């Protein structure tokens, strides 16, 4: 189950990167036209967007892993802060079986 959950998260992230690249390409039509006018080929312009997506994916993955490790490292402090600040119990109290 965890495998499928992680696969779906990766698919959503890939769609997010694709959406960003399509939006940037749509917003940059004048700049793309200028690059073509000064002699850049379509392949070169495509490689620019490819590298932009690649760097965005690497930075996003690194930020996600870093944030996850940070939350994992301070999970008990975070849980206590949430329970004290919002009067919210992250986990139900332990019931002892007798």
PDB file of N, CA and C in Angstrom:
ATOM      1  N   UNK A   1       0.824  -1.192   0.000  1.00  0.00           N
ATOM      2  CA  UNK A   1       0.000   0.000   0.000  1.00  0.00           C
ATOM      3  C   UNK A   1       0.865   1.252   0.000  1.00  0.00           C
ATOM      4  N   UNK A   2       1.932   1.237   0.783  1.00  0.00           N
ATOM      5  CA  UNK A   2       2.815   2.397   0.853  1.00  0.00           C
ATOM      6  C   UNK A   2       3.471   2.666  -0.503  1.00  0.00           C
ATOM      7  N   UNK A   3       3.815   1.597  -1.227  1.00  0.00           N
ATOM      8  CA  UNK A   3       4.413   1.735  -2.555  1.00  0.00           C
ATOM      9  C   UNK A   3       3.474   2.492  -3.486  1.00  0.00           C
ATOM     10  N   UNK A   4       2.206   2.110  -3.511  1.00  0.00           N
ATOM     11  CA  UNK A   4       1.245   2.765  -4.394  1.00  0.00           C
ATOM     12  C   UNK A   4       1.011   4.220  -3.981  1.00  0.00           C
ATOM     13  N   UNK A   5       0.992   4.481  -2.692  1.00  0.00           N
ATOM     14  CA  UNK A   5       0.831   5.845  -2.210  1.00  0.00           C
ATOM     15  C   UNK A   5       1.992   6.730  -2.670  1.00  0.00           C
ATOM     16  N   UNK A   6       3.212   6.216  -2.558  1.00  0.00           N
ATOM     17  CA  UNK A   6       4.371   6.981  -2.992  1.00  0.00           C
ATOM     18  C   UNK A   6       4.405   7.161  -4.507  1.00  0.00           C
ATOM     19  N   UNK A   7       3.973   6.157  -5.247  1.00  0.00           N
ATOM     20  CA  UNK A   7       3.901   6.275  -6.710  1.00  0.00           C
ATOM     21  C   UNK A   7       2.905   7.361  -7.098  1.00  0.00           C
ATOM     22  N   UNK A   8       1.753   7.401  -6.453  1.00  0.00           N
ATOM     23  CA  UNK A   8       0.754   8.430  -6.775  1.00  0.00           C
ATOM     24  C   UNK A   8       1.257   9.826  -6.414  1.00  0.00           C
ATOM     25  N   UNK A   9       1.995   9.950  -5.319  1.00  0.00           N
ATOM     26  CA  UNK A   9       2.579  11.238  -4.957  1.00  0.00           C
ATOM     27  C   UNK A   9       3.583  11.673  -6.022  1.00  0.00           C
ATOM     28  N   UNK A  10       4.397  10.738  -6.510  1.00  0.00           N
ATOM     29  CA  UNK A  10       5.374  11.061  -7.557  1.00  0.00           C
ATOM     30  C   UNK A  10       4.677  11.459  -8.851  1.00  0.00           C
ATOM     31  N   UNK A  11       3.563  10.806  -9.176  1.00  0.00           N
ATOM     32  CA  UNK A  11       2.819  11.156 -10.390  1.00  0.00           C
ATOM     33  C   UNK A  11       2.244  12.565 -10.274  1.00  0.00           C
ATOM     34  N   UNK A  12       1.696  12.903  -9.127  1.00  0.00           N
ATOM     35  CA  UNK A  12       1.154  14.252  -8.923  1.00  0.00           C
ATOM     36  C   UNK A  12       2.266  15.288  -9.019  1.00  0.00           C
ATOM     37  N   UNK A  13       3.434  14.992  -8.458  1.00  0.00           N
ATOM     38  CA  UNK A  13       4.562  15.916  -8.547  1.00  0.00           C
ATOM     39  C   UNK A  13       5.003  16.093  -9.997  1.00  0.00           C
ATOM     40  N   UNK A  14       5.026  15.010 -10.767  1.00  0.00           N
ATOM     41  CA  UNK A  14       5.407  15.105 -12.180  1.00  0.00           C
ATOM     42  C   UNK A  14       4.411  15.952 -12.954  1.00  0.00           C
ATOM     43  N   UNK A  15       3.127  15.797 -12.669  1.00  0.00           N
ATOM     44  CA  UNK A  15       2.126  16.645 -13.318  1.00  0.00           C
ATOM     45  C   UNK A  15       2.310  18.109 -12.925  1.00  0.00           C
ATOM     46  N   UNK A  16       2.685  18.365 -11.683  1.00  0.00           N
ATOM     47  CA  UNK A  16       2.936  19.738 -11.238  1.00  0.00           C
ATOM     48  C   UNK A  16       4.106  20.362 -11.985  1.00  0.00           C
ATOM     49  N   UNK A  17       5.181  19.616 -12.158  1.00  0.00           N
ATOM     50  CA  UNK A  17       6.332  20.123 -12.911  1.00  0.00           C
ATOM     51  C   UNK A  17       5.945  20.364 -14.361  1.00  0.00           C
ATOM     52  N   UNK A  18       5.202  19.433 -14.952  1.00  0.00           N
ATOM     53  CA  UNK A  18       4.763  19.592 -16.338  1.00  0.00           C
ATOM     54  C   UNK A  18       3.878  20.816 -16.484  1.00  0.00           C
ATOM     55  N   UNK A  19       2.979  21.021 -15.556  1.00  0.00           N
ATOM     56  CA  UNK A  19       2.100  22.187 -15.587  1.00  0.00           C
ATOM     57  C   UNK A  19       2.905  23.481 -15.508  1.00  0.00           C
ATOM     58  N   UNK A  20       3.915  23.502 -14.644  1.00  0.00           N
ATOM     59  CA  UNK A  20       4.765  24.684 -14.524  1.00  0.00           C
ATOM     60  C   UNK A  20       5.501  24.967 -15.831  1.00  0.00           C
ATOM     61  N   UNK A  21       6.037  23.920 -16.453  1.00  0.00           N
ATOM     62  CA  UNK A  21       6.771  24.113 -17.703  1.00  0.00           C
ATOM     63  C   UNK A  21       5.860  24.587 -18.827  1.00  0.00           C
ATOM     64  N   UNK A  22       4.656  24.067 -18.904  1.00  0.00           N
ATOM     65  CA  UNK A  22       3.707  24.510 -19.931  1.00  0.00           C
ATOM     66  C   UNK A  22       3.331  25.964 -19.706  1.00  0.00           C
ATOM     67  N   UNK A  23       3.114  26.343 -18.459  1.00  0.00           N
ATOM     68  CA  UNK A  23       2.778  27.732 -18.144  1.00  0.00           C
ATOM     69  C   UNK A  23       3.926  28.663 -18.495  1.00  0.00           C
ATOM     70  N   UNK A  24       5.156  28.271 -18.148  1.00  0.00           N
ATOM     71  CA  UNK A  24       6.317  29.099 -18.454  1.00  0.00           C
ATOM     72  C   UNK A  24       6.485  29.232 -19.968  1.00  0.00           C
ATOM     73  N   UNK A  25       6.322  28.132 -20.691  1.00  0.00           N
ATOM     74  CA  UNK A  25       6.450  28.194 -22.156  1.00  0.00           C
ATOM     75  C   UNK A  25       5.375  29.094 -22.755  1.00  0.00           C
ATOM     76  N   UNK A  26       4.185  29.057 -22.218  1.00  0.00           N
ATOM     77  CA  UNK A  26       3.118  29.940 -22.705  1.00  0.00           C
ATOM     78  C   UNK A  26       3.380  31.392 -22.404  1.00  0.00           C
ATOM     79  N   UNK A  27       3.965  31.654 -21.237  1.00  0.00           N
ATOM     80  CA  UNK A  27       4.269  33.033 -20.853  1.00  0.00           C
ATOM     81  C   UNK A  27       5.492  33.584 -21.578  1.00  0.00           C
ATOM     82  N   UNK A  28       6.352  32.716 -22.043  1.00  0.00           N
ATOM     83  CA  UNK A  28       7.618  33.145 -22.641  1.00  0.00           C
ATOM     84  C   UNK A  28       7.609  33.060 -24.166  1.00  0.00           C
ATOM     85  N   UNK A  29       6.460  33.176 -24.809  1.00  0.00           N
ATOM     86  CA  UNK A  29       6.417  33.042 -26.266  1.00  0.00           C
ATOM     87  C   UNK A  29       7.208  34.154 -26.951  1.00  0.00           C
ATOM     88  N   UNK A  30       7.180  35.352 -26.413  1.00  0.00           N
ATOM     89  CA  UNK A  30       7.950  36.452 -27.015  1.00  0.00           C
ATOM     90  C   UNK A  30       9.450  36.180 -26.903  1.00  0.00           C
ATOM     91  N   UNK A  31       9.884  35.687 -25.739  1.00  0.00           N
ATOM     92  CA  UNK A  31      11.298  35.402 -25.542  1.00  0.00           C
ATOM     93  C   UNK A  31      11.748  34.241 -26.426  1.00  0.00           C
ATOM     94  N   UNK A  32      10.886  33.241 -26.582  1.00  0.00           N
ATOM     95  CA  UNK A  32      11.204  32.109 -27.458  1.00  0.00           C
ATOM     96  C   UNK A  32      11.330  32.602 -28.901  1.00  0.00           C
ATOM     97  N   UNK A  33      10.431  33.472 -29.310  1.00  0.00           N
ATOM     98  CA  UNK A  33      10.510  34.054 -30.650  1.00  0.00           C
ATOM     99  C   UNK A  33      11.795  34.847 -30.845  1.00  0.00           C
ATOM    100  N   UNK A  34      12.206  35.579 -29.816  1.00  0.00           N
ATOM    101  CA  UNK A  34      13.442  36.344 -29.893  1.00  0.00           C
ATOM    102  C   UNK A  34      14.646  35.413 -30.017  1.00  0.00           C
ATOM    103  N   UNK A  35      14.662  34.336 -29.242  1.00  0.00           N
ATOM    104  CA  UNK A  35      15.761  33.373 -29.326  1.00  0.00           C
ATOM    105  C   UNK A  35      15.827  32.745 -30.719  1.00  0.00           C
ATOM    106  N   UNK A  36      14.674  32.419 -31.287  1.00  0.00           N
ATOM    107  CA  UNK A  36      14.647  31.848 -32.634  1.00  0.00           C
ATOM    108  C   UNK A  36      15.112  32.880 -33.669  1.00  0.00           C
ATOM    109  N   UNK A  37      14.790  34.144 -33.428  1.00  0.00           N
ATOM    110  CA  UNK A  37      15.185  35.189 -34.371  1.00  0.00           C
ATOM    111  C   UNK A  37      16.697  35.413 -34.385  1.00  0.00           C
ATOM    112  N   UNK A  38      17.351  35.185 -33.238  1.00  0.00           N
ATOM    113  CA  UNK A  38      18.798  35.390 -33.214  1.00  0.00           C
ATOM    114  C   UNK A  38      19.561  34.105 -33.539  1.00  0.00           C
ATOM    115  N   UNK A  39      18.844  33.046 -33.886  1.00  0.00           N
ATOM    116  CA  UNK A  39      19.518  31.868 -34.421  1.00  0.00           C
ATOM    117  C   UNK A  39      19.490  30.605 -33.597  1.00  0.00           C
ATOM    118  N   UNK A  40      18.810  30.597 -32.470  1.00  0.00           N
ATOM    119  CA  UNK A  40      18.715  29.367 -31.687  1.00  0.00           C
ATOM    120  C   UNK A  40      17.808  28.376 -32.410  1.00  0.00           C
ATOM    121  N   UNK A  41      18.179  27.106 -32.358  1.00  0.00           N
ATOM    122  CA  UNK A  41      17.327  26.087 -32.977  1.00  0.00           C
ATOM    123  C   UNK A  41      16.223  25.680 -32.007  1.00  0.00           C
ATOM    124  N   UNK A  42      15.222  24.993 -32.534  1.00  0.00           N
ATOM    125  CA  UNK A  42      14.128  24.516 -31.673  1.00  0.00           C
ATOM    126  C   UNK A  42      14.637  23.528 -30.636  1.00  0.00           C
ATOM    127  N   UNK A  43      15.615  22.702 -31.013  1.00  0.00           N
ATOM    128  CA  UNK A  43      16.188  21.741 -30.075  1.00  0.00           C
ATOM    129  C   UNK A  43      16.897  22.409 -28.914  1.00  0.00           C
ATOM    130  N   UNK A  44      17.596  23.504 -29.192  1.00  0.00           N
ATOM    131  CA  UNK A  44      18.287  24.226 -28.126  1.00  0.00           C
ATOM    132  C   UNK A  44      17.292  24.840 -27.151  1.00  0.00           C
ATOM    133  N   UNK A  45      16.240  25.405 -27.678  1.00  0.00           N
ATOM    134  CA  UNK A  45      15.211  25.998 -26.820  1.00  0.00           C
ATOM    135  C   UNK A  45      14.518  24.908 -26.008  1.00  0.00           C
ATOM    136  N   UNK A  46      14.289  23.751 -26.633  1.00  0.00           N
ATOM    137  CA  UNK A  46      13.675  22.640 -25.912  1.00  0.00           C
ATOM    138  C   UNK A  46      14.589  22.175 -24.780  1.00  0.00           C
ATOM    139  N   UNK A  47      15.900  22.151 -25.020  1.00  0.00           N
ATOM    140  CA  UNK A  47      16.837  21.748 -23.963  1.00  0.00           C
ATOM    141  C   UNK A  47      16.828  22.727 -22.796  1.00  0.00           C
ATOM    142  N   UNK A  48      16.601  24.002 -23.067  1.00  0.00           N
ATOM    143  CA  UNK A  48      16.502  24.988 -21.983  1.00  0.00           C
ATOM    144  C   UNK A  48      15.342  24.621 -21.052  1.00  0.00           C
ATOM    145  N   UNK A  49      14.194  24.306 -21.632  1.00  0.00           N
ATOM    146  CA  UNK A  49      13.036  23.930 -20.816  1.00  0.00           C
ATOM    147  C   UNK A  49      13.233  22.573 -20.147  1.00  0.00           C
ATOM    148  N   UNK A  50      13.924  21.668 -20.833  1.00  0.00           N
ATOM    149  CA  UNK A  50      14.224  20.368 -20.232  1.00  0.00           C
ATOM    150  C   UNK A  50      15.062  20.552 -18.975  1.00  0.00           C
ATOM    151  N   UNK A  51      16.122  21.367 -19.054  1.00  0.00           N
ATOM    152  CA  UNK A  51      16.985  21.582 -17.899  1.00  0.00           C
ATOM    153  C   UNK A  51      16.266  22.346 -16.802  1.00  0.00           C
ATOM    154  N   UNK A  52      15.381  23.240 -17.192  1.00  0.00           N
ATOM    155  CA  UNK A  52      14.603  23.949 -16.172  1.00  0.00           C
ATOM    156  C   UNK A  52      13.746  22.954 -15.387  1.00  0.00           C
ATOM    157  N   UNK A  53      13.090  22.037 -16.078  1.00  0.00           N
ATOM    158  CA  UNK A  53      12.281  21.018 -15.397  1.00  0.00           C
ATOM    159  C   UNK A  53      13.130  20.081 -14.560  1.00  0.00           C
ATOM    160  N   UNK A  54      14.289  19.718 -15.079  1.00  0.00           N
ATOM    161  CA  UNK A  54      15.196  18.830 -14.352  1.00  0.00           C
ATOM    162  C   UNK A  54      15.655  19.490 -13.048  1.00  0.00           C
ATOM    163  N   UNK A  55      16.069  20.737 -13.123  1.00  0.00           N
ATOM    164  CA  UNK A  55      16.536  21.456 -11.927  1.00  0.00           C
ATOM    165  C   UNK A  55      15.391  21.655 -10.945  1.00  0.00           C
ATOM    166  N   UNK A  56      14.205  21.976 -11.458  1.00  0.00           N
ATOM    167  CA  UNK A  56      13.037  22.130 -10.574  1.00  0.00           C
ATOM    168  C   UNK A  56      12.718  20.830  -9.846  1.00  0.00           C
ATOM    169  N   UNK A  57      12.811  19.712 -10.543  1.00  0.00           N
ATOM    170  CA  UNK A  57      12.563  18.415  -9.913  1.00  0.00           C
ATOM    171  C   UNK A  57      13.600  18.076  -8.861  1.00  0.00           C
ATOM    172  N   UNK A  58      14.872  18.348  -9.150  1.00  0.00           N
ATOM    173  CA  UNK A  58      15.941  18.058  -8.186  1.00  0.00           C
ATOM    174  C   UNK A  58      15.804  18.934  -6.943  1.00  0.00           C
ATOM    175  N   UNK A  59      15.566  20.232  -7.154  1.00  0.00           N
ATOM    176  CA  UNK A  59      15.415  21.147  -6.009  1.00  0.00           C
ATOM    177  C   UNK A  59      14.185  20.766  -5.185  1.00  0.00           C
ATOM    178  N   UNK A  60      13.075  20.442  -5.847  1.00  0.00           N
ATOM    179  CA  UNK A  60      11.862  20.042  -5.129  1.00  0.00           C
ATOM    180  C   UNK A  60      12.050  18.751  -4.348  1.00  0.00           C
ATOM    181  N   UNK A  61      12.735  17.790  -4.959  1.00  0.00           N
ATOM    182  CA  UNK A  61      13.003  16.533  -4.264  1.00  0.00           C
ATOM    183  C   UNK A  61      13.905  16.765  -3.056  1.00  0.00           C
ATOM    184  N   UNK A  62      14.943  17.573  -3.248  1.00  0.00           N
ATOM    185  CA  UNK A  62      15.848  17.872  -2.126  1.00  0.00           C
ATOM    186  C   UNK A  62      15.136  18.601  -0.998  1.00  0.00           C
ATOM    187  N   UNK A  63      14.290  19.572  -1.367  1.00  0.00           N
ATOM    188  CA  UNK A  63      13.547  20.303  -0.332  1.00  0.00           C
ATOM    189  C   UNK A  63      12.563  19.384   0.385  1.00  0.00           C
ATOM    190  N   UNK A  64      11.923  18.497  -0.350  1.00  0.00           N
ATOM    191  CA  UNK A  64      10.989  17.553   0.271  1.00  0.00           C
ATOM    192  C   UNK A  64      11.677  16.581   1.209  1.00  0.00           C
ATOM    193  N   UNK A  65      12.803  16.042   0.764  1.00  0.00           N
ATOM    194  CA  UNK A  65      13.553  15.121   1.624  1.00  0.00           C
ATOM    195  C   UNK A  65      14.089  15.854   2.853  1.00  0.00           C
ATOM    196  N   UNK A  66      14.615  17.064   2.639  1.00  0.00           N
ATOM    197  CA  UNK A  66      15.127  17.841   3.771  1.00  0.00           C
ATOM    198  C   UNK A  66      14.052  18.173   4.784  1.00  0.00           C
ATOM    199  N   UNK A  67      12.889  18.602   4.295  1.00  0.00           N
ATOM    200  CA  UNK A  67      11.783  18.922   5.191  1.00  0.00           C
ATOM    201  C   UNK A  67      11.297  17.673   5.922  1.00  0.00           C
ATOM    202  N   UNK A  68      11.212  16.565   5.205  1.00  0.00           N
ATOM    203  CA  UNK A  68      10.790  15.313   5.837  1.00  0.00           C
ATOM    204  C   UNK A  68      11.748  14.857   6.922  1.00  0.00           C
ATOM    205  N   UNK A  69      13.043  14.944   6.646  1.00  0.00           N
ATOM    206  CA  UNK A  69      14.032  14.561   7.651  1.00  0.00           C
ATOM    207  C   UNK A  69      14.017  15.505   8.844  1.00  0.00           C
ATOM    208  N   UNK A  70      13.801  16.790   8.588  1.00  0.00           N
ATOM    209  CA  UNK A  70      13.728  17.765   9.674  1.00  0.00           C
ATOM    210  C   UNK A  70      12.518  17.497  10.573  1.00  0.00           C
ATOM    211  N   UNK A  71      11.368  17.235   9.963  1.00  0.00           N
ATOM    212  CA  UNK A  71      10.167  16.921  10.748  1.00  0.00           C
ATOM    213  C   UNK A  71      10.361  15.612  11.503  1.00  0.00           C
ATOM    214  N   UNK A  72      11.011  14.641  10.863  1.00  0.00           N
ATOM    215  CA  UNK A  72      11.270  13.363  11.527  1.00  0.00           C
ATOM    216  C   UNK A  72      12.204  13.544  12.720  1.00  0.00           C
ATOM    217  N   UNK A  73      13.203  14.402  12.566  1.00  0.00           N
ATOM    218  CA  UNK A  73      14.156  14.632  13.651  1.00  0.00           C
ATOM    219  C   UNK A  73      13.489  15.294  14.849  1.00  0.00           C
ATOM    220  N   UNK A  74      12.591  16.241  14.607  1.00  0.00           N
ATOM    221  CA  UNK A  74      11.951  16.998  15.678  1.00  0.00           C
ATOM    222  C   UNK A  74      10.476  16.634  15.848  1.00  0.00           C
ATOM    223  N   UNK A  75      10.123  15.401  15.550  1.00  0.00           N
ATOM    224  CA  UNK A  75       8.704  15.009  15.589  1.00  0.00           C
ATOM    225  C   UNK A  75       8.110  15.094  16.984  1.00  0.00           C
ATOM    226  N   UNK A  76       8.853  14.702  18.013  1.00  0.00           N
ATOM    227  CA  UNK A  76       8.306  14.763  19.377  1.00  0.00           C
ATOM    228  C   UNK A  76       8.115  16.202  19.826  1.00  0.00           C
ATOM    229  N   UNK A  77       9.102  17.061  19.529  1.00  0.00           N
ATOM    230  CA  UNK A  77       8.962  18.478  19.881  1.00  0.00           C
ATOM    231  C   UNK A  77       7.795  19.102  19.118  1.00  0.00           C
ATOM    232  N   UNK A  78       7.668  18.749  17.850  1.00  0.00           N
ATOM    233  CA  UNK A  78       6.565  19.266  17.038  1.00  0.00           C
ATOM    234  C   UNK A  78       5.217  18.791  17.577  1.00  0.00           C
ATOM    235  N   UNK A  79       5.144  17.536  17.973  1.00  0.00           N
ATOM    236  CA  UNK A  79       3.899  16.993  18.520  1.00  0.00           C
ATOM    237  C   UNK A  79       3.528  17.706  19.825  1.00  0.00           C
ATOM    238  N   UNK A  80       4.515  17.932  20.692  1.00  0.00           N
ATOM    239  CA  UNK A  80       4.235  18.634  21.949  1.00  0.00           C
ATOM    240  C   UNK A  80       3.836  20.078  21.697  1.00  0.00           C
ATOM    241  N   UNK A  81       4.488  20.750  20.753  1.00  0.00           N
ATOM    242  CA  UNK A  81       4.140  22.137  20.419  1.00  0.00           C
ATOM    243  C   UNK A  81       2.719  22.232  19.875  1.00  0.00           C
ATOM    244  N   UNK A  82       2.331  21.290  19.006  1.00  0.00           N
ATOM    245  CA  UNK A  82       0.962  21.290  18.472  1.00  0.00           C
ATOM    246  C   UNK A  82      -0.060  21.062  19.575  1.00  0.00           C
ATOM    247  N   UNK A  83       0.236  20.132  20.475  1.00  0.00           N
ATOM    248  CA  UNK A  83      -0.734  19.850  21.537  1.00  0.00           C
ATOM    249  C   UNK A  83      -0.847  21.011  22.528  1.00  0.00           C
ATOM    250  N   UNK A  84       0.249  21.712  22.794  1.00  0.00           N
ATOM    251  CA  UNK A  84       0.188  22.846  23.714  1.00  0.00           C
ATOM    252  C   UNK A  84      -0.418  24.084  23.065  1.00  0.00           C
ATOM    253  N   UNK A  85      -0.095  24.340  21.816  1.00  0.00           N
ATOM    254  CA  UNK A  85      -0.551  25.551  21.144  1.00  0.00           C
ATOM    255  C   UNK A  85      -2.024  25.484  20.769  1.00  0.00           C
ATOM    256  N   UNK A  86      -2.432  24.375  20.182  1.00  0.00           N
ATOM    257  CA  UNK A  86      -3.797  24.261  19.662  1.00  0.00           C
ATOM    258  C   UNK A  86      -4.708  23.402  20.534  1.00  0.00           C
ATOM    259  N   UNK A  87      -4.195  22.948  21.676  1.00  0.00           N
ATOM    260  CA  UNK A  87      -4.966  22.052  22.550  1.00  0.00           C
ATOM    261  C   UNK A  87      -5.517  20.874  21.745  1.00  0.00           C
ATOM    262  N   UNK A  88      -4.613  20.313  20.954  1.00  0.00           N
ATOM    263  CA  UNK A  88      -4.986  19.261  20.025  1.00  0.00           C
ATOM    264  C   UNK A  88      -4.093  18.060  20.275  1.00  0.00           C
ATOM    265  N   UNK A  89      -4.678  16.917  20.423  1.00  0.00           N
ATOM    266  CA  UNK A  89      -3.926  15.699  20.675  1.00  0.00           C
ATOM    267  C   UNK A  89      -3.601  15.033  19.342  1.00  0.00           C
ATOM    268  N   UNK A  90      -2.309  14.926  19.049  1.00  0.00           N
ATOM    269  CA  UNK A  90      -1.893  14.285  17.794  1.00  0.00           C
ATOM    270  C   UNK A  90      -2.205  12.798  17.807  1.00  0.00           C
ATOM    271  N   UNK A  91      -2.019  12.185  18.938  1.00  0.00           N
ATOM    272  CA  UNK A  91      -2.295  10.754  19.094  1.00  0.00           C
ATOM    273  C   UNK A  91      -3.260  10.592  20.260  1.00  0.00           C
ATOM    274  N   UNK A  92      -4.172   9.650  20.146  1.00  0.00           N
ATOM    275  CA  UNK A  92      -5.093   9.419  21.277  1.00  0.00           C
ATOM    276  C   UNK A  92      -4.315   8.944  22.506  1.00  0.00           C
ATOM    277  N   UNK A  93      -4.824   9.269  23.687  1.00  0.00           N
ATOM    278  CA  UNK A  93      -4.125   8.815  24.886  1.00  0.00           C
ATOM    279  C   UNK A  93      -4.077   7.297  24.954  1.00  0.00           C
ATOM    280  N   UNK A  94      -3.023   6.797  25.551  1.00  0.00           N
ATOM    281  CA  UNK A  94      -2.835   5.368  25.645  1.00  0.00           C
ATOM    282  C   UNK A  94      -3.803   4.765  26.658  1.00  0.00           C
ATOM    283  N   UNK A  95      -4.463   3.695  26.265  1.00  0.00           N
ATOM    284  CA  UNK A  95      -5.374   3.007  27.168  1.00  0.00           C
ATOM    285  C   UNK A  95      -4.684   1.723  27.628  1.00  0.00           C
ATOM    286  N   UNK A  96      -4.638   1.540  28.909  1.00  0.00           N
ATOM    287  CA  UNK A  96      -4.035   0.343  29.459  1.00  0.00           C
ATOM    288  C   UNK A  96      -5.096  -0.742  29.587  1.00  0.00           C
ATOM    289  N   UNK A  97      -4.766  -1.888  29.089  1.00  0.00           N
ATOM    290  CA  UNK A  97      -5.697  -3.024  29.181  1.00  0.00           C
ATOM    291  C   UNK A  97      -5.477  -3.716  30.536  1.00  0.00           C
ATOM    292  N   UNK A  98      -6.574  -3.916  31.248  1.00  0.00           N
ATOM    293  CA  UNK A  98      -6.460  -4.600  32.543  1.00  0.00           C
ATOM    294  C   UNK A  98      -7.304  -5.830  32.546  1.00  0.00           C
TER     295      UNK A  98
END
